[in-house]
Amino acid sequence: MWTNCYHLYPAHAAFGGYKQSGVGRENHKMMLAHYQNVKNLLVSYDENPMGFF
């Protein structure tokens, strides 16, 4: 139910229904962990070239 606004809800609030009803419960920030992978990027700022290993 909205009062004096339309479709206003906190971004971290889970909402929706089950099966094909609504958006589902995947709007919560904790659900992002299921779609994320940890990756590393190592950057050398050394002007001299490094060996392969």
N, C-alpha and C. Protein backbone atom coordinates (compact mmCIF):
# COMPACT_ATOMS: atom_id res chain seq x y z
N MET A 1 0.85 -1.17 0.00
CA MET A 1 0.00 0.00 0.00
C MET A 1 0.90 1.23 0.00
N TRP A 2 0.58 2.17 -0.84
CA TRP A 2 1.35 3.40 -0.92
C TRP A 2 0.48 4.57 -0.48
N THR A 3 1.07 5.50 0.23
CA THR A 3 0.35 6.70 0.66
C THR A 3 1.15 7.91 0.20
N ASN A 4 0.53 8.77 -0.59
CA ASN A 4 1.15 9.98 -1.11
C ASN A 4 2.39 9.70 -1.95
N CYS A 5 2.48 8.53 -2.52
CA CYS A 5 3.57 8.18 -3.40
C CYS A 5 3.15 6.95 -4.20
N TYR A 6 3.91 6.63 -5.22
CA TYR A 6 3.60 5.46 -6.02
C TYR A 6 4.83 4.59 -6.15
N HIS A 7 4.72 3.36 -5.77
CA HIS A 7 5.77 2.36 -5.93
C HIS A 7 7.08 2.79 -5.26
N LEU A 8 6.98 3.41 -4.13
CA LEU A 8 8.16 3.85 -3.39
C LEU A 8 8.44 2.85 -2.27
N TYR A 9 9.59 2.24 -2.30
CA TYR A 9 9.98 1.29 -1.27
C TYR A 9 11.50 1.32 -1.14
N PRO A 10 12.03 0.95 0.01
CA PRO A 10 13.49 0.93 0.16
C PRO A 10 14.11 -0.10 -0.77
N ALA A 11 15.28 0.19 -1.28
CA ALA A 11 15.94 -0.71 -2.22
C ALA A 11 16.31 -2.03 -1.57
N HIS A 12 16.49 -2.05 -0.26
CA HIS A 12 16.89 -3.28 0.42
C HIS A 12 15.70 -4.12 0.89
N ALA A 13 14.49 -3.65 0.65
CA ALA A 13 13.31 -4.37 1.11
C ALA A 13 12.93 -5.48 0.13
N ALA A 14 12.77 -6.68 0.66
CA ALA A 14 12.30 -7.79 -0.17
C ALA A 14 10.80 -7.64 -0.38
N PHE A 15 10.36 -7.86 -1.59
CA PHE A 15 8.93 -7.76 -1.86
C PHE A 15 8.58 -8.71 -2.98
N GLY A 16 7.32 -8.83 -3.24
CA GLY A 16 6.87 -9.67 -4.34
C GLY A 16 6.19 -10.92 -3.82
N GLY A 17 5.84 -11.76 -4.74
CA GLY A 17 5.11 -12.97 -4.38
C GLY A 17 5.92 -14.21 -4.69
N TYR A 18 5.21 -15.26 -4.94
CA TYR A 18 5.81 -16.56 -5.23
C TYR A 18 5.46 -16.97 -6.65
N LYS A 19 6.29 -17.79 -7.23
CA LYS A 19 6.13 -18.28 -8.60
C LYS A 19 6.08 -17.11 -9.57
N GLN A 20 5.00 -16.93 -10.30
CA GLN A 20 4.90 -15.87 -11.30
C GLN A 20 4.26 -14.60 -10.74
N SER A 21 4.14 -14.48 -9.44
CA SER A 21 3.48 -13.34 -8.82
C SER A 21 4.50 -12.27 -8.46
N GLY A 22 4.42 -11.13 -9.05
CA GLY A 22 5.29 -10.01 -8.70
C GLY A 22 6.72 -10.21 -9.17
N VAL A 23 7.62 -9.44 -8.62
CA VAL A 23 9.03 -9.47 -8.99
C VAL A 23 9.74 -10.61 -8.29
N GLY A 24 9.25 -11.03 -7.17
CA GLY A 24 9.91 -12.08 -6.39
C GLY A 24 10.71 -11.49 -5.26
N ARG A 25 11.49 -12.30 -4.64
CA ARG A 25 12.25 -11.86 -3.47
C ARG A 25 13.69 -11.50 -3.81
N GLU A 26 14.01 -11.36 -5.07
CA GLU A 26 15.40 -11.14 -5.47
C GLU A 26 15.79 -9.67 -5.52
N ASN A 27 15.01 -8.79 -4.96
CA ASN A 27 15.34 -7.37 -4.97
C ASN A 27 16.14 -6.97 -3.74
N HIS A 28 16.42 -7.91 -2.87
CA HIS A 28 17.16 -7.62 -1.64
C HIS A 28 18.66 -7.63 -1.94
N LYS A 29 19.41 -6.78 -1.25
CA LYS A 29 20.85 -6.70 -1.50
C LYS A 29 21.58 -7.99 -1.14
N MET A 30 21.01 -8.80 -0.24
CA MET A 30 21.65 -10.07 0.09
C MET A 30 21.54 -11.07 -1.05
N MET A 31 20.58 -10.90 -1.93
CA MET A 31 20.42 -11.80 -3.07
C MET A 31 21.50 -11.57 -4.12
N LEU A 32 22.15 -10.41 -4.09
CA LEU A 32 23.21 -10.14 -5.06
C LEU A 32 24.38 -11.10 -4.91
N ALA A 33 24.58 -11.65 -3.72
CA ALA A 33 25.68 -12.57 -3.49
C ALA A 33 25.56 -13.81 -4.37
N HIS A 34 24.35 -14.18 -4.74
CA HIS A 34 24.16 -15.35 -5.59
C HIS A 34 24.58 -15.09 -7.03
N TYR A 35 24.71 -13.83 -7.41
CA TYR A 35 25.05 -13.47 -8.78
C TYR A 35 26.45 -12.90 -8.91
N GLN A 36 27.20 -12.85 -7.83
CA GLN A 36 28.52 -12.23 -7.85
C GLN A 36 29.62 -13.28 -7.71
N ASN A 37 30.74 -13.01 -8.34
CA ASN A 37 31.95 -13.81 -8.21
C ASN A 37 33.10 -12.89 -7.84
N VAL A 38 33.97 -13.37 -6.97
CA VAL A 38 35.13 -12.59 -6.57
C VAL A 38 36.22 -12.76 -7.62
N LYS A 39 36.76 -11.64 -8.08
CA LYS A 39 37.85 -11.66 -9.05
C LYS A 39 38.94 -10.71 -8.56
N ASN A 40 40.15 -10.99 -8.97
CA ASN A 40 41.29 -10.14 -8.60
C ASN A 40 41.94 -9.58 -9.85
N LEU A 41 42.39 -8.36 -9.75
CA LEU A 41 43.13 -7.72 -10.82
C LEU A 41 44.41 -7.16 -10.20
N LEU A 42 45.54 -7.68 -10.66
CA LEU A 42 46.82 -7.23 -10.14
C LEU A 42 47.48 -6.33 -11.18
N VAL A 43 47.83 -5.14 -10.78
CA VAL A 43 48.42 -4.15 -11.69
C VAL A 43 49.78 -3.75 -11.15
N SER A 44 50.79 -3.86 -11.99
CA SER A 44 52.13 -3.43 -11.63
C SER A 44 52.40 -2.07 -12.27
N TYR A 45 52.87 -1.15 -11.47
CA TYR A 45 53.21 0.18 -11.98
C TYR A 45 54.71 0.31 -12.21
N ASP A 46 55.41 -0.81 -12.12
CA ASP A 46 56.85 -0.81 -12.36
C ASP A 46 57.11 -0.60 -13.85
N GLU A 47 58.02 0.31 -14.19
CA GLU A 47 58.31 0.59 -15.60
C GLU A 47 59.14 -0.51 -16.24
N ASN A 48 59.85 -1.31 -15.44
CA ASN A 48 60.66 -2.40 -15.97
C ASN A 48 59.78 -3.62 -16.23
N PRO A 49 60.00 -4.30 -17.35
CA PRO A 49 59.19 -5.49 -17.62
C PRO A 49 59.49 -6.60 -16.62
N MET A 50 58.48 -7.36 -16.30
CA MET A 50 58.63 -8.47 -15.38
C MET A 50 58.75 -9.77 -16.16
N GLY A 51 59.34 -10.77 -15.56
CA GLY A 51 59.42 -12.08 -16.19
C GLY A 51 58.04 -12.72 -16.23
N PHE A 52 57.95 -13.83 -16.95
CA PHE A 52 56.66 -14.49 -17.08
C PHE A 52 56.18 -15.03 -15.74
N PHE A 53 57.12 -15.57 -14.91
CA PHE A 53 56.76 -16.06 -13.58
C PHE A 53 57.61 -15.38 -12.55
